[in-house]
């Protein structure tokens, strides 16, 4: 049996790493970057942390800053137009998951024939071609997008979050600088942190898990679990921030080489229809979905609990699994994660969209990777269970 394993060709990790961005580009003979970011990164001056070293090296980077929190196909099309209008040789995704996913999708669509749409690349299609190489610089910990072969883009006509997968979405390099996360507010810190924990956990219990991805998933859980509450309470804690940033990247490598599963499959429709931040919708679902899945992969969930430090090596799997479930509930409480009801989602709209959301979840393919594979009726029941916690 063989395993295919992918990752960026270069990972530069550590405090101050963003200052070496020009050096990273230079190693690959690149000198004409288009920086893809969001309006806040520009207005706050944060993007200057990437632009300054490029300009100091004599480069003249372009900036595309029209990204939105849930990247849309229309924004990608605008980005491709901007990319084609300039003489660029690479894209630099700077920001949270949205700018990075936007840059990756721009590279994919830019390599397609005229008239192509982002929906043409929705899984199960393979998006293996990119018009330009992408370098990613995450400012949250995190989506892990800096290290994955995935991007998630919303189809505005169909109100659907599309999973797009392939080597075209895999960054050439990633610059992972935890110092960029010091200014991230507590709510975003919590949401992105739970997202990274979910990546590691789902990669480990996925039906597509493998020994190589397991190593990254376990390391990620060991870094994230003991530090997530810390960075939420103490935003300036450099040790915890560094651990979370590294953990998020390792979790990204893990699920890029295994897969995510039911939590992510159910989470994307919540984001598409109700504009709940991705990490937060994962958190809303994680306890209920884990409880549903637990006995289908109890030894794996028990090992995850031990890696997270909530169960000991001496405990049996049943006890460890129960402690994992309690930890996920406690984590949501401690990080003030609201239920969909408490978030303010209209209950009638929620109920009315449940069949559509279940169908979209199944169509994404992620639920098929879950230890227990649900049908649409089961997914609807899980959405209802998560509604009020």
Protein backbone atom coordinates (compact mmCIF):
# COMPACT_ATOMS: atom_id res chain seq x y z
CA UNK A 1 0.00 0.00 0.00
CA UNK A 2 1.35 3.42 -0.96
CA UNK A 3 0.51 6.84 0.44
CA UNK A 4 0.54 10.11 -1.47
CA UNK A 5 1.70 13.02 0.69
CA UNK A 6 1.76 16.70 -0.27
CA UNK A 7 2.92 19.89 1.42
CA UNK A 8 4.35 23.27 0.44
CA UNK A 9 7.92 23.11 -0.86
CA UNK A 10 9.04 25.60 1.78
CA UNK A 11 7.73 26.37 5.26
CA UNK A 12 9.36 29.29 7.06
CA UNK A 13 8.13 29.20 10.67
CA UNK A 14 8.83 31.52 13.59
CA UNK A 15 8.48 34.99 15.03
CA UNK A 16 9.54 37.66 12.54
CA UNK A 17 9.43 35.26 9.58
CA UNK A 18 7.34 37.67 7.51
CA UNK A 19 10.35 39.97 7.35
CA UNK A 20 12.04 37.33 5.17
CA UNK A 21 9.28 37.26 2.55
CA UNK A 22 11.48 38.71 -0.19
CA UNK A 23 14.08 36.05 0.59
CA UNK A 24 11.42 33.35 0.19
CA UNK A 25 10.35 34.69 -3.20
CA UNK A 26 13.97 35.03 -4.26
CA UNK A 27 14.66 31.36 -3.60
CA UNK A 28 12.14 30.53 -6.32
CA UNK A 29 13.23 33.27 -8.73
CA UNK A 30 10.05 35.28 -8.13
CA UNK A 31 10.02 39.08 -8.01
CA UNK A 32 6.66 40.42 -9.20
CA UNK A 33 4.05 39.50 -6.55
CA UNK A 34 0.39 40.41 -6.36
CA UNK A 35 -0.55 40.49 -2.67
CA UNK A 36 -4.09 39.24 -2.06
CA UNK A 37 -5.51 40.50 1.22
CA UNK A 38 -8.63 42.08 2.74
CA UNK A 39 -9.74 45.68 3.31
CA UNK A 40 -9.01 45.62 7.05
CA UNK A 41 -5.45 44.44 6.50
CA UNK A 42 -4.95 47.47 4.26
CA UNK A 43 -6.75 50.06 6.40
CA UNK A 44 -5.02 48.88 9.58
CA UNK A 45 -1.62 48.90 7.96
CA UNK A 46 -1.08 45.24 8.82
CA UNK A 47 -0.39 44.31 5.19
CA UNK A 48 2.63 46.62 5.31
CA UNK A 49 4.39 43.88 7.28
CA UNK A 50 4.43 41.93 4.01
CA UNK A 51 4.79 44.85 1.63
CA UNK A 52 7.72 46.51 3.42
CA UNK A 53 10.25 43.68 3.00
CA UNK A 54 9.22 43.27 -0.64
CA UNK A 55 9.73 46.96 -1.36
CA UNK A 56 12.99 46.98 0.57
CA UNK A 57 14.21 44.28 -1.82
CA UNK A 58 13.38 46.47 -4.80
CA UNK A 59 10.10 44.82 -5.71
CA UNK A 60 6.91 46.68 -6.62
CA UNK A 61 4.11 44.46 -5.29
CA UNK A 62 0.56 44.94 -6.47
CA UNK A 63 -2.32 44.67 -4.01
CA UNK A 64 -5.75 43.12 -4.51
CA UNK A 65 -7.76 43.79 -1.34
CA UNK A 66 -11.36 43.16 -2.38
CA UNK A 67 -11.62 39.81 -0.61
CA UNK A 68 -14.64 39.05 1.59
CA UNK A 69 -15.01 36.86 4.72
CA UNK A 70 -16.57 33.96 2.80
CA UNK A 71 -14.80 34.12 -0.59
CA UNK A 72 -17.24 34.22 -3.49
CA UNK A 73 -16.91 33.21 -7.11
CA UNK A 74 -17.53 36.82 -8.16
CA UNK A 75 -14.63 38.07 -6.05
CA UNK A 76 -12.41 35.37 -7.55
CA UNK A 77 -13.34 36.53 -11.04
CA UNK A 78 -12.46 40.12 -10.11
CA UNK A 79 -9.18 38.92 -8.67
CA UNK A 80 -8.31 37.00 -11.83
CA UNK A 81 -8.98 40.15 -13.85
CA UNK A 82 -6.60 42.10 -11.60
CA UNK A 83 -4.02 39.32 -11.87
CA UNK A 84 -4.19 39.31 -15.66
CA UNK A 85 -4.03 43.12 -15.84
CA UNK A 86 -0.54 43.18 -14.31
CA UNK A 87 2.79 41.57 -15.04
CA UNK A 88 2.83 39.28 -11.99
CA UNK A 89 4.76 36.07 -11.46
CA UNK A 90 3.21 34.94 -8.14
CA UNK A 91 0.38 35.54 -5.71
CA UNK A 92 0.89 36.19 -1.98
CA UNK A 93 -2.16 35.38 0.14
CA UNK A 94 -1.89 37.51 3.30
CA UNK A 95 -4.50 37.29 6.04
CA UNK A 96 -6.88 34.72 7.47
CA UNK A 97 -8.36 31.85 5.55
CA UNK A 98 -10.37 34.06 3.22
CA UNK A 99 -7.50 35.94 1.53
CA UNK A 100 -5.45 32.75 1.32
CA UNK A 101 -8.35 30.78 -0.17
CA UNK A 102 -9.01 33.68 -2.56
CA UNK A 103 -5.42 33.68 -3.80
CA UNK A 104 -5.50 29.92 -4.31
CA UNK A 105 -8.79 30.07 -6.20
CA UNK A 106 -7.52 32.93 -8.36
CA UNK A 107 -4.55 30.79 -9.37
CA UNK A 108 -6.87 27.90 -10.30
CA UNK A 109 -9.42 29.93 -12.24
CA UNK A 110 -6.66 31.91 -13.92
CA UNK A 111 -5.31 28.71 -15.47
CA UNK A 112 -8.71 27.73 -16.89
CA UNK A 113 -10.05 28.47 -20.38
CA UNK A 114 -12.08 31.62 -20.97
CA UNK A 115 -15.63 31.31 -19.67
CA UNK A 116 -14.77 28.81 -16.94
CA UNK A 117 -16.48 29.18 -13.56
CA UNK A 118 -15.34 28.24 -10.07
CA UNK A 119 -18.14 25.68 -9.86
CA UNK A 120 -16.37 23.77 -12.66
CA UNK A 121 -13.73 22.85 -10.07
CA UNK A 122 -16.03 21.73 -7.26
CA UNK A 123 -15.23 18.27 -5.91
CA UNK A 124 -15.09 15.58 -7.20
CA UNK A 125 -13.28 17.53 -9.94
CA UNK A 126 -9.51 17.83 -9.46
CA UNK A 127 -8.13 21.37 -9.63
CA UNK A 128 -4.51 20.49 -10.37
CA UNK A 129 -3.43 23.47 -12.48
CA UNK A 130 -2.53 26.97 -11.32
CA UNK A 131 -1.75 30.04 -13.39
CA UNK A 132 0.78 31.33 -10.84
CA UNK A 133 2.48 29.93 -7.74
CA UNK A 134 0.96 30.98 -4.42
CA UNK A 135 2.81 31.92 -1.24
CA UNK A 136 0.62 32.07 1.87
CA UNK A 137 1.10 34.10 5.04
CA UNK A 138 -1.55 33.33 7.69
CA UNK A 139 -2.47 35.97 10.26
CA UNK A 140 -4.67 33.65 12.31
CA UNK A 141 -4.17 30.21 13.84
CA UNK A 142 -6.00 29.02 11.94
CA UNK A 143 -7.50 27.59 8.88
CA UNK A 144 -4.31 25.81 7.88
CA UNK A 145 -4.96 26.96 4.32
CA UNK A 146 -1.29 27.89 4.01
CA UNK A 147 -0.47 24.18 3.90
CA UNK A 148 -3.43 22.53 2.15
CA UNK A 149 -4.55 21.48 -1.30
CA UNK A 150 -8.02 22.87 -0.66
CA UNK A 151 -9.90 26.12 -1.07
CA UNK A 152 -13.55 26.85 -0.20
CA UNK A 153 -15.47 29.27 -2.40
CA UNK A 154 -19.15 30.31 -2.30
CA UNK A 155 -21.24 29.94 -5.46
CA UNK A 156 -23.31 33.14 -5.29
CA UNK A 157 -25.98 31.90 -7.68
CA UNK A 158 -26.63 28.72 -5.70
CA UNK A 159 -25.75 30.00 -2.21
CA UNK A 160 -23.42 27.03 -1.76
CA UNK A 161 -19.96 26.77 -0.24
CA UNK A 162 -17.94 24.67 -2.66
CA UNK A 163 -14.97 22.54 -1.65
CA UNK A 164 -12.30 22.73 -4.34
CA UNK A 165 -9.37 20.34 -4.14
CA UNK A 166 -6.20 19.70 -6.11
CA UNK A 167 -2.54 20.47 -6.48
CA UNK A 168 -3.45 23.82 -8.02
CA UNK A 169 -4.55 24.93 -4.54
CA UNK A 170 -1.35 23.79 -2.81
CA UNK A 171 0.86 26.77 -1.92
CA UNK A 172 4.43 26.79 -3.16
CA UNK A 173 5.55 28.17 0.20
CA UNK A 174 4.16 29.37 3.51
CA UNK A 175 5.52 31.98 5.90
CA UNK A 176 4.16 31.16 9.36
CA UNK A 177 4.81 34.03 11.79
CA UNK A 178 2.97 33.83 15.13
CA UNK A 179 3.70 37.50 15.83
CA UNK A 180 1.03 38.37 13.24
CA UNK A 181 -1.62 36.89 15.57
CA UNK A 182 -1.04 39.15 18.60
CA UNK A 183 -3.70 41.62 17.41
CA UNK A 184 -6.34 38.97 16.64
CA UNK A 185 -9.38 39.57 18.90
CA UNK A 186 -10.52 36.86 21.36
CA UNK A 187 -13.60 35.79 19.37
CA UNK A 188 -11.59 35.21 16.21
CA UNK A 189 -8.80 33.57 18.22
CA UNK A 190 -11.31 31.11 19.66
CA UNK A 191 -13.08 30.39 16.38
CA UNK A 192 -9.93 29.83 14.34
CA UNK A 193 -8.39 27.80 17.16
CA UNK A 194 -11.34 25.42 17.30
CA UNK A 195 -11.19 25.20 13.51
CA UNK A 196 -7.59 24.01 13.70
CA UNK A 197 -8.43 21.53 16.47
CA UNK A 198 -11.29 20.20 14.34
CA UNK A 199 -8.92 19.80 11.38
CA UNK A 200 -6.56 17.68 13.46
CA UNK A 201 -9.29 15.59 15.08
CA UNK A 202 -11.19 14.91 11.84
CA UNK A 203 -7.97 14.10 9.97
CA UNK A 204 -7.13 11.54 12.65
CA UNK A 205 -10.52 9.79 12.72
CA UNK A 206 -11.20 10.08 8.98
CA UNK A 207 -11.66 6.94 6.92
CA UNK A 208 -8.84 8.34 4.78
CA UNK A 209 -6.41 8.61 7.71
CA UNK A 210 -2.90 7.27 7.17
CA UNK A 211 0.24 6.91 9.25
CA UNK A 212 1.95 9.96 7.79
CA UNK A 213 -1.01 12.32 8.29
CA UNK A 214 -1.58 10.83 11.76
CA UNK A 215 1.81 12.08 12.94
CA UNK A 216 0.93 15.65 12.02
CA UNK A 217 -2.59 15.40 13.46
CA UNK A 218 -1.35 14.11 16.82
CA UNK A 219 1.38 16.76 17.04
CA UNK A 220 -1.19 19.42 16.20
CA UNK A 221 -3.58 18.26 18.94
CA UNK A 222 -0.73 18.20 21.47
CA UNK A 223 0.05 21.83 20.62
CA UNK A 224 -3.47 23.21 20.26
CA UNK A 225 -5.41 21.58 23.12
CA UNK A 226 -3.34 22.92 26.05
CA UNK A 227 -2.92 26.39 24.53
CA UNK A 228 -6.31 27.33 23.09
CA UNK A 229 -7.83 28.60 26.31
CA UNK A 230 -4.56 30.35 27.12
CA UNK A 231 -4.47 32.47 23.95
CA UNK A 232 -8.15 33.29 24.41
CA UNK A 233 -7.49 34.59 27.94
CA UNK A 234 -3.99 35.96 27.37
CA UNK A 235 -3.70 37.32 23.81
CA UNK A 236 -0.11 38.52 24.36
CA UNK A 237 1.21 35.13 25.51
CA UNK A 238 3.95 34.52 22.95
CA UNK A 239 4.58 30.89 23.88
CA UNK A 240 0.91 29.98 23.50
CA UNK A 241 0.56 32.00 20.29
CA UNK A 242 3.58 30.23 18.78
CA UNK A 243 2.19 26.81 19.74
CA UNK A 244 -1.21 27.61 18.25
CA UNK A 245 0.28 28.90 15.00
CA UNK A 246 2.48 25.84 14.53
CA UNK A 247 -0.39 23.56 15.53
CA UNK A 248 -2.69 25.13 12.96
CA UNK A 249 -0.16 24.59 10.17
CA UNK A 250 0.49 21.00 11.22
CA UNK A 251 -3.26 20.37 11.33
CA UNK A 252 -3.52 21.80 7.82
CA UNK A 253 -0.87 19.37 6.57
CA UNK A 254 -2.71 16.55 8.34
CA UNK A 255 -6.12 17.08 6.80
CA UNK A 256 -4.64 17.96 3.42
CA UNK A 257 -3.22 14.44 3.35
CA UNK A 258 -6.15 12.72 5.04
CA UNK A 259 -9.41 14.64 4.93
CA UNK A 260 -11.93 16.45 7.03
CA UNK A 261 -15.21 14.73 7.72
CA UNK A 262 -18.77 15.31 8.90
CA UNK A 263 -18.21 18.44 11.01
CA UNK A 264 -16.82 20.33 8.02
CA UNK A 265 -19.40 18.88 5.66
CA UNK A 266 -22.20 20.20 7.87
CA UNK A 267 -20.42 23.43 8.72
CA UNK A 268 -20.07 24.81 5.19
CA UNK A 269 -23.85 25.12 4.56
CA UNK A 270 -24.26 27.02 7.85
CA UNK A 271 -21.65 29.49 6.66
CA UNK A 272 -23.18 29.79 3.21
CA UNK A 273 -26.77 30.37 4.34
CA UNK A 274 -26.31 32.20 7.65
CA UNK A 275 -22.84 33.76 7.27
CA UNK A 276 -21.56 32.24 10.50
CA UNK A 277 -17.73 32.33 10.62
CA UNK A 278 -16.35 28.95 9.58
CA UNK A 279 -14.54 28.12 12.81
CA UNK A 280 -17.56 29.10 14.88
CA UNK A 281 -19.93 26.89 12.89
CA UNK A 282 -17.46 24.02 13.35
CA UNK A 283 -17.50 24.63 17.10
CA UNK A 284 -21.30 24.67 17.16
CA UNK A 285 -21.35 21.20 15.60
CA UNK A 286 -18.27 19.52 17.06
CA UNK A 287 -19.73 18.05 20.30
CA UNK A 288 -22.90 16.65 18.68
CA UNK A 289 -21.09 15.21 15.66
CA UNK A 290 -18.35 13.68 17.82
CA UNK A 291 -20.95 12.07 20.07
CA UNK A 292 -22.66 10.59 17.00
CA UNK A 293 -19.36 9.30 15.58
CA UNK A 294 -17.61 8.19 18.77
CA UNK A 295 -18.36 4.47 18.89
CA UNK A 296 -17.62 4.01 15.19
CA UNK A 297 -13.96 4.83 15.83
CA UNK A 298 -13.62 4.67 19.61
CA UNK A 299 -9.91 3.71 19.70
CA UNK A 300 -9.03 6.68 17.46
CA UNK A 301 -11.09 9.17 19.46
CA UNK A 302 -9.58 7.77 22.68
CA UNK A 303 -6.06 8.26 21.30
CA UNK A 304 -7.00 11.81 20.34
CA UNK A 305 -8.17 12.43 23.90
CA UNK A 306 -4.82 11.25 25.21
CA UNK A 307 -2.94 13.46 22.74
CA UNK A 308 -5.03 16.43 23.89
CA UNK A 309 -4.14 15.68 27.50
CA UNK A 310 -7.68 15.04 28.71
CA UNK A 311 -7.17 11.30 29.28
CA UNK A 312 -4.22 9.27 30.50
CA UNK A 313 -2.45 6.39 28.78
CA UNK A 314 -3.72 4.09 31.54
CA UNK A 315 -7.40 4.80 30.87
CA UNK A 316 -9.55 2.56 28.75
CA UNK A 317 -10.98 3.75 25.46
CA UNK A 318 -14.53 4.17 26.76
CA UNK A 319 -13.41 6.45 29.57
CA UNK A 320 -11.09 8.42 27.27
CA UNK A 321 -13.86 8.86 24.71
CA UNK A 322 -16.25 10.14 27.36
CA UNK A 323 -13.63 12.60 28.57
CA UNK A 324 -13.11 13.84 25.01
CA UNK A 325 -16.82 14.57 24.64
CA UNK A 326 -16.87 16.44 27.94
CA UNK A 327 -13.78 18.42 26.95
CA UNK A 328 -15.39 19.55 23.70
CA UNK A 329 -18.48 20.71 25.58
CA UNK A 330 -16.34 22.45 28.21
CA UNK A 331 -14.23 24.09 25.51
CA UNK A 332 -17.32 25.60 23.89
CA UNK A 333 -18.43 26.88 27.29
CA UNK A 334 -15.05 28.35 28.16
CA UNK A 335 -14.66 30.02 24.76
CA UNK A 336 -18.24 31.38 24.83
CA UNK A 337 -19.32 29.50 21.69
CA UNK A 338 -23.02 30.17 21.10
CA UNK A 339 -25.48 27.64 19.78
CA UNK A 340 -27.09 28.48 16.42
CA UNK A 341 -30.16 29.56 18.39
CA UNK A 342 -28.16 31.82 20.69
CA UNK A 343 -26.27 33.23 17.70
CA UNK A 344 -29.56 34.71 16.51
CA UNK A 345 -30.32 32.55 13.50
CA UNK A 346 -34.00 32.69 12.58
CA UNK A 347 -35.50 29.34 13.68
CA UNK A 348 -38.01 29.16 10.84
CA UNK A 349 -35.32 29.77 8.24
CA UNK A 350 -33.07 27.21 9.95
CA UNK A 351 -35.79 24.54 9.92
CA UNK A 352 -36.78 25.35 6.37
CA UNK A 353 -33.24 25.00 5.07
CA UNK A 354 -32.35 21.77 6.88
CA UNK A 355 -33.07 19.46 3.89
CA UNK A 356 -31.07 21.73 1.58
CA UNK A 357 -28.18 21.96 4.04
CA UNK A 358 -28.14 18.19 4.49
CA UNK A 359 -28.05 17.67 0.73
CA UNK A 360 -25.22 20.19 0.34
CA UNK A 361 -23.28 18.58 3.17
CA UNK A 362 -23.53 15.15 1.53
CA UNK A 363 -22.64 16.56 -1.90
CA UNK A 364 -19.37 17.96 -0.53
CA UNK A 365 -18.09 14.42 0.00
CA UNK A 366 -16.77 15.13 3.49
CA UNK A 367 -19.43 13.12 5.38
CA UNK A 368 -18.35 10.00 3.48
CA UNK A 369 -14.99 10.24 5.26
CA UNK A 370 -16.62 10.17 8.70
CA UNK A 371 -16.23 7.08 10.91
CA UNK A 372 -20.03 6.78 10.95
CA UNK A 373 -21.43 7.75 7.55
CA UNK A 374 -24.83 9.48 7.89
CA UNK A 375 -27.71 9.78 5.48
CA UNK A 376 -29.62 13.01 4.94
CA UNK A 377 -32.13 12.21 7.69
CA UNK A 378 -29.33 11.71 10.22
CA UNK A 379 -27.68 14.98 9.22
CA UNK A 380 -30.96 16.83 9.69
CA UNK A 381 -31.26 15.26 13.15
CA UNK A 382 -27.72 16.37 14.01
CA UNK A 383 -28.45 19.93 12.89
CA UNK A 384 -31.50 19.88 15.17
CA UNK A 385 -29.43 18.54 18.06
CA UNK A 386 -26.86 21.29 17.60
CA UNK A 387 -29.54 24.01 17.38
CA UNK A 388 -29.81 24.63 21.09
CA UNK A 389 -26.82 22.63 22.31
